[in-house]
Amino acid sequence: MQYFKFLISSLFLFIITTTGAFTQSLEKELVKADSLYEKKQYISAIKIYKKIYEEGNSSPAMLLKLARIEEGMGNQGQSMYYLEKYYQFTKDEKALSYLEETAESKNAIGFDYGVAYQANLIYKEWKIYFQLFFSIVIIFAVGMMLKNKTAVSKKKNYFTLAIIPLLIVAFINNYDGKSEAIITKTPSYLLEGPSAGANLAARVEVPAKIQVKNQTDVWSKIIFEEKVAYIKTSRIKQL
């Protein structure tokens, strides 16, 4: 028993120590990148920011700086990607307006921020809460069915109450929302098949937002202007 307590205490201490060391290292990197940014050493700053982002850490302030640096470097697709991620974090209407204005001025393709976009965003953000709510309804209905197992009419009513949320939960579990990405490198070539030897479907010379159907390490199957095509995965960034 004492040995077991020692193991648990050691593991807990290890987790705290490791987490603390990682947090300090991350803060140190951010301070360094911010310092470089303030000094207008943008090339050096963006390397650190991107490293932090690719490790799964980001903040609205960092995303905004990434967007500004990329725009200054002429990487419009990259800039719009980070700015849209910033908007998803903050719901800053100014950022959304700027995205719409930029998309129009650059003749960008597929950047529609209307009702369908907002609904998809809400669905992704609230998916887990929808699952939880309807799961509670199912549990309640099943419990009431068991409680009223001798009352046939009541059982039928609670069965009806359970079956609809069950179908909704099944749908939610199998649908993650519309999967979108931005073509960040231009020009990019869209092909009719997942092969460098496939016929050319389109040449994209401006930033474009596309729907991703499925993705592998090399090729992504996408919908571009309502047509199926393939693009190198390295040329897009998933939103």
Protein backbone atom coordinates (compact mmCIF):
# COMPACT_ATOMS: atom_id res chain seq x y z
CA MET A 1 0.00 0.00 0.00
CA GLN A 2 2.78 2.39 0.91
CA TYR A 3 4.58 1.49 -2.32
CA PHE A 4 1.41 2.21 -4.31
CA LYS A 5 1.03 5.62 -2.61
CA PHE A 6 4.68 6.36 -3.39
CA LEU A 7 4.14 5.56 -7.08
CA ILE A 8 1.05 7.78 -7.29
CA SER A 9 2.83 10.66 -5.53
CA SER A 10 5.87 10.31 -7.80
CA LEU A 11 3.69 10.29 -10.93
CA PHE A 12 1.77 13.35 -9.74
CA LEU A 13 5.00 15.19 -8.97
CA PHE A 14 6.43 14.25 -12.38
CA ILE A 15 3.33 15.59 -14.19
CA ILE A 16 3.44 18.88 -12.27
CA THR A 17 7.18 19.31 -12.85
CA THR A 18 6.96 18.47 -16.57
CA THR A 19 3.95 20.75 -17.12
CA GLY A 20 5.65 23.60 -15.28
CA ALA A 21 8.87 23.22 -17.28
CA PHE A 22 6.91 23.14 -20.57
CA THR A 23 4.92 26.26 -19.63
CA GLN A 24 8.09 28.16 -18.73
CA SER A 25 9.73 27.12 -22.00
CA LEU A 26 6.65 28.21 -23.99
CA GLU A 27 6.51 31.58 -22.23
CA LYS A 28 10.21 32.11 -22.89
CA GLU A 29 9.74 31.41 -26.60
CA LEU A 30 6.75 33.77 -26.79
CA VAL A 31 8.63 36.57 -25.05
CA LYS A 32 11.53 36.11 -27.50
CA ALA A 33 9.20 36.12 -30.53
CA ASP A 34 7.28 39.17 -29.26
CA SER A 35 10.56 41.01 -28.72
CA LEU A 36 11.64 40.25 -32.29
CA TYR A 37 8.23 41.37 -33.56
CA GLU A 38 8.49 44.70 -31.73
CA LYS A 39 11.93 45.20 -33.26
CA LYS A 40 10.38 44.52 -36.71
CA GLN A 41 12.54 41.42 -37.17
CA TYR A 42 9.55 39.66 -38.67
CA ILE A 43 11.34 36.76 -40.39
CA SER A 44 12.90 35.62 -37.12
CA ALA A 45 9.70 36.22 -35.17
CA ILE A 46 7.46 34.25 -37.53
CA LYS A 47 9.71 31.17 -37.33
CA ILE A 48 9.16 31.02 -33.57
CA TYR A 49 5.45 31.81 -33.81
CA LYS A 50 4.92 29.04 -36.38
CA LYS A 51 6.86 26.54 -34.28
CA ILE A 52 4.64 27.35 -31.29
CA TYR A 53 1.50 27.12 -33.46
CA GLU A 54 2.47 23.79 -35.00
CA GLU A 55 2.99 22.39 -31.49
CA GLY A 56 -0.69 23.08 -30.84
CA ASN A 57 -0.34 26.31 -28.86
CA SER A 58 -1.73 29.64 -29.92
CA SER A 59 -3.44 32.77 -28.70
CA PRO A 60 -5.53 35.41 -30.49
CA ALA A 61 -2.68 37.93 -30.22
CA MET A 62 -0.21 35.50 -31.78
CA LEU A 63 -2.60 34.61 -34.62
CA LEU A 64 -3.11 38.28 -35.39
CA LYS A 65 0.65 38.86 -35.53
CA LEU A 66 1.07 35.84 -37.82
CA ALA A 67 -1.62 37.22 -40.13
CA ARG A 68 0.02 40.65 -40.23
CA ILE A 69 3.50 39.27 -40.93
CA GLU A 70 2.26 36.96 -43.70
CA GLU A 71 0.33 39.81 -45.32
CA GLY A 72 3.41 42.03 -45.18
CA MET A 73 5.41 39.28 -46.86
CA GLY A 74 2.82 39.00 -49.62
CA ASN A 75 1.53 35.58 -48.52
CA GLN A 76 -2.14 36.50 -48.75
CA GLY A 77 -3.51 32.96 -48.43
CA GLN A 78 -1.47 32.32 -45.28
CA SER A 79 -2.56 35.68 -43.87
CA MET A 80 -6.25 34.93 -44.46
CA TYR A 81 -5.84 31.52 -42.86
CA TYR A 82 -4.44 32.94 -39.62
CA LEU A 83 -6.95 35.79 -39.62
CA GLU A 84 -9.85 33.34 -39.96
CA LYS A 85 -8.44 31.26 -37.08
CA TYR A 86 -8.24 34.51 -35.11
CA TYR A 87 -11.90 35.22 -35.88
CA GLN A 88 -12.89 31.71 -34.76
CA PHE A 89 -11.13 32.42 -31.45
CA THR A 90 -12.50 35.91 -30.83
CA LYS A 91 -15.62 36.42 -33.00
CA ASP A 92 -14.17 39.87 -33.71
CA GLU A 93 -16.50 41.40 -36.31
CA LYS A 94 -13.74 43.77 -37.46
CA ALA A 95 -11.62 40.75 -38.44
CA LEU A 96 -14.55 39.27 -40.35
CA SER A 97 -15.14 42.54 -42.20
CA TYR A 98 -11.46 42.73 -43.09
CA LEU A 99 -11.56 39.14 -44.39
CA GLU A 100 -14.55 39.96 -46.58
CA GLU A 101 -12.92 43.13 -47.92
CA THR A 102 -9.63 41.32 -48.60
CA ALA A 103 -11.40 38.44 -50.35
CA GLU A 104 -13.19 40.91 -52.61
CA SER A 105 -10.11 43.03 -53.39
CA LYS A 106 -7.93 39.98 -54.12
CA ASN A 107 -10.65 38.18 -56.11
CA ALA A 108 -10.29 35.29 -53.67
CA ILE A 109 -12.53 32.28 -54.25
CA GLY A 110 -14.98 30.63 -51.84
CA PHE A 111 -14.72 33.05 -48.92
CA ASP A 112 -18.40 33.22 -48.00
CA TYR A 113 -19.10 34.21 -44.39
CA GLY A 114 -22.89 34.08 -44.57
CA VAL A 115 -25.46 32.06 -42.62
CA ALA A 116 -24.10 28.64 -43.70
CA TYR A 117 -20.59 29.51 -42.48
CA GLN A 118 -21.85 30.81 -39.13
CA ALA A 119 -24.11 27.77 -38.64
CA ASN A 120 -21.20 25.42 -39.33
CA LEU A 121 -19.05 27.32 -36.83
CA ILE A 122 -21.75 27.16 -34.15
CA TYR A 123 -22.25 23.44 -34.77
CA LYS A 124 -18.55 22.68 -34.32
CA GLU A 125 -18.31 24.77 -31.15
CA TRP A 126 -21.45 23.38 -29.55
CA LYS A 127 -21.30 19.79 -30.82
CA ILE A 128 -20.21 18.31 -27.48
CA TYR A 129 -22.98 20.19 -25.65
CA PHE A 130 -25.59 18.97 -28.14
CA GLN A 131 -24.35 15.41 -27.55
CA LEU A 132 -24.56 15.86 -23.79
CA PHE A 133 -28.05 17.38 -23.84
CA PHE A 134 -29.61 14.72 -26.07
CA SER A 135 -27.81 11.92 -24.17
CA ILE A 136 -29.43 13.19 -20.95
CA VAL A 137 -32.84 13.16 -22.68
CA ILE A 138 -32.23 9.55 -23.80
CA ILE A 139 -31.19 8.46 -20.30
CA PHE A 140 -34.25 10.17 -18.80
CA ALA A 141 -36.61 8.55 -21.33
CA VAL A 142 -35.12 5.06 -20.83
CA GLY A 143 -35.33 5.51 -17.06
CA MET A 144 -39.00 6.47 -17.31
CA MET A 145 -39.65 3.47 -19.58
CA LEU A 146 -38.21 1.17 -16.93
CA LYS A 147 -40.16 2.90 -14.19
CA ASN A 148 -43.42 2.57 -16.13
CA LYS A 149 -42.79 -0.86 -17.64
CA THR A 150 -46.30 -2.04 -16.77
CA ALA A 151 -48.00 0.99 -18.31
CA VAL A 152 -47.96 0.29 -22.05
CA SER A 153 -49.16 3.73 -23.20
CA LYS A 154 -46.58 5.57 -21.10
CA LYS A 155 -43.81 3.25 -22.32
CA LYS A 156 -44.72 4.08 -25.91
CA ASN A 157 -44.61 7.80 -25.19
CA TYR A 158 -41.19 7.59 -23.53
CA PHE A 159 -39.93 5.31 -26.31
CA THR A 160 -40.88 8.02 -28.82
CA LEU A 161 -39.14 10.59 -26.60
CA ALA A 162 -35.97 8.44 -26.62
CA ILE A 163 -35.80 7.46 -30.29
CA ILE A 164 -35.60 10.99 -31.76
CA PRO A 165 -32.67 12.13 -29.56
CA LEU A 166 -31.03 8.77 -30.27
CA LEU A 167 -31.12 9.46 -34.01
CA ILE A 168 -29.81 13.00 -33.40
CA VAL A 169 -26.90 11.69 -31.29
CA ALA A 170 -26.10 9.09 -33.97
CA PHE A 171 -25.98 11.88 -36.58
CA ILE A 172 -23.81 14.12 -34.39
CA ASN A 173 -21.36 11.27 -33.71
CA ASN A 174 -20.90 10.73 -37.44
CA TYR A 175 -20.80 14.34 -38.64
CA ASP A 176 -18.02 16.71 -37.64
CA GLY A 177 -19.29 19.67 -39.60
CA LYS A 178 -18.13 21.01 -42.95
CA SER A 179 -14.40 20.43 -43.34
CA GLU A 180 -12.76 23.44 -44.99
CA ALA A 181 -9.24 24.50 -45.87
CA ILE A 182 -7.52 27.44 -47.53
CA ILE A 183 -5.18 27.09 -50.49
CA THR A 184 -2.25 29.04 -49.09
CA LYS A 185 0.30 28.58 -51.86
CA THR A 186 -0.32 30.05 -55.28
CA PRO A 187 -0.28 29.24 -58.05
CA SER A 188 -1.57 25.76 -57.23
CA TYR A 189 -2.61 23.07 -59.65
CA LEU A 190 -5.78 21.05 -59.09
CA LEU A 191 -5.79 17.65 -60.74
CA GLU A 192 -8.49 15.21 -61.76
CA GLY A 193 -6.88 12.38 -59.81
CA PRO A 194 -4.47 11.81 -56.91
CA SER A 195 -1.42 11.58 -59.14
CA ALA A 196 1.10 14.01 -60.59
CA GLY A 197 0.31 12.49 -63.98
CA ALA A 198 -3.44 13.18 -63.78
CA ASN A 199 -5.12 15.72 -66.06
CA LEU A 200 -5.21 19.34 -64.95
CA ALA A 201 -8.60 20.38 -63.51
CA ALA A 202 -7.80 24.00 -62.68
CA ARG A 203 -4.99 26.43 -61.96
CA VAL A 204 -5.58 28.54 -58.85
CA GLU A 205 -3.69 31.83 -58.73
CA VAL A 206 -5.53 33.54 -55.85
CA PRO A 207 -6.31 32.48 -52.27
CA ALA A 208 -9.21 30.03 -52.27
CA LYS A 209 -11.29 28.30 -49.64
CA ILE A 210 -12.24 24.75 -50.50
CA GLN A 211 -14.15 21.89 -48.93
CA VAL A 212 -12.01 18.87 -48.03
CA LYS A 213 -13.66 15.47 -48.58
CA ASN A 214 -10.75 13.34 -47.40
CA GLN A 215 -7.05 13.75 -46.90
CA THR A 216 -3.91 11.63 -47.03
CA ASP A 217 -0.30 12.54 -46.40
CA VAL A 218 0.23 13.58 -50.02
CA TRP A 219 -3.13 14.25 -51.68
CA SER A 220 -6.39 15.83 -50.59
CA LYS A 221 -9.70 15.23 -52.34
CA ILE A 222 -11.53 18.55 -52.44
CA ILE A 223 -14.56 20.38 -53.79
CA PHE A 224 -13.54 23.47 -55.76
CA GLU A 225 -16.30 25.53 -57.36
CA GLU A 226 -18.69 22.55 -57.03
CA LYS A 227 -16.28 20.17 -58.79
CA VAL A 228 -14.22 17.32 -57.34
CA ALA A 229 -10.46 17.72 -57.68
CA TYR A 230 -7.20 16.75 -55.98
CA ILE A 231 -4.45 18.94 -54.58
CA LYS A 232 -1.18 18.35 -52.78
CA THR A 233 -1.94 18.43 -49.05
CA SER A 234 1.12 20.58 -48.42
CA ARG A 235 -0.49 23.44 -50.38
CA ILE A 236 -3.52 23.80 -48.12
CA LYS A 237 -4.15 24.56 -44.45
CA GLN A 238 -7.08 22.94 -42.68
CA LEU A 239 -9.37 25.31 -40.80
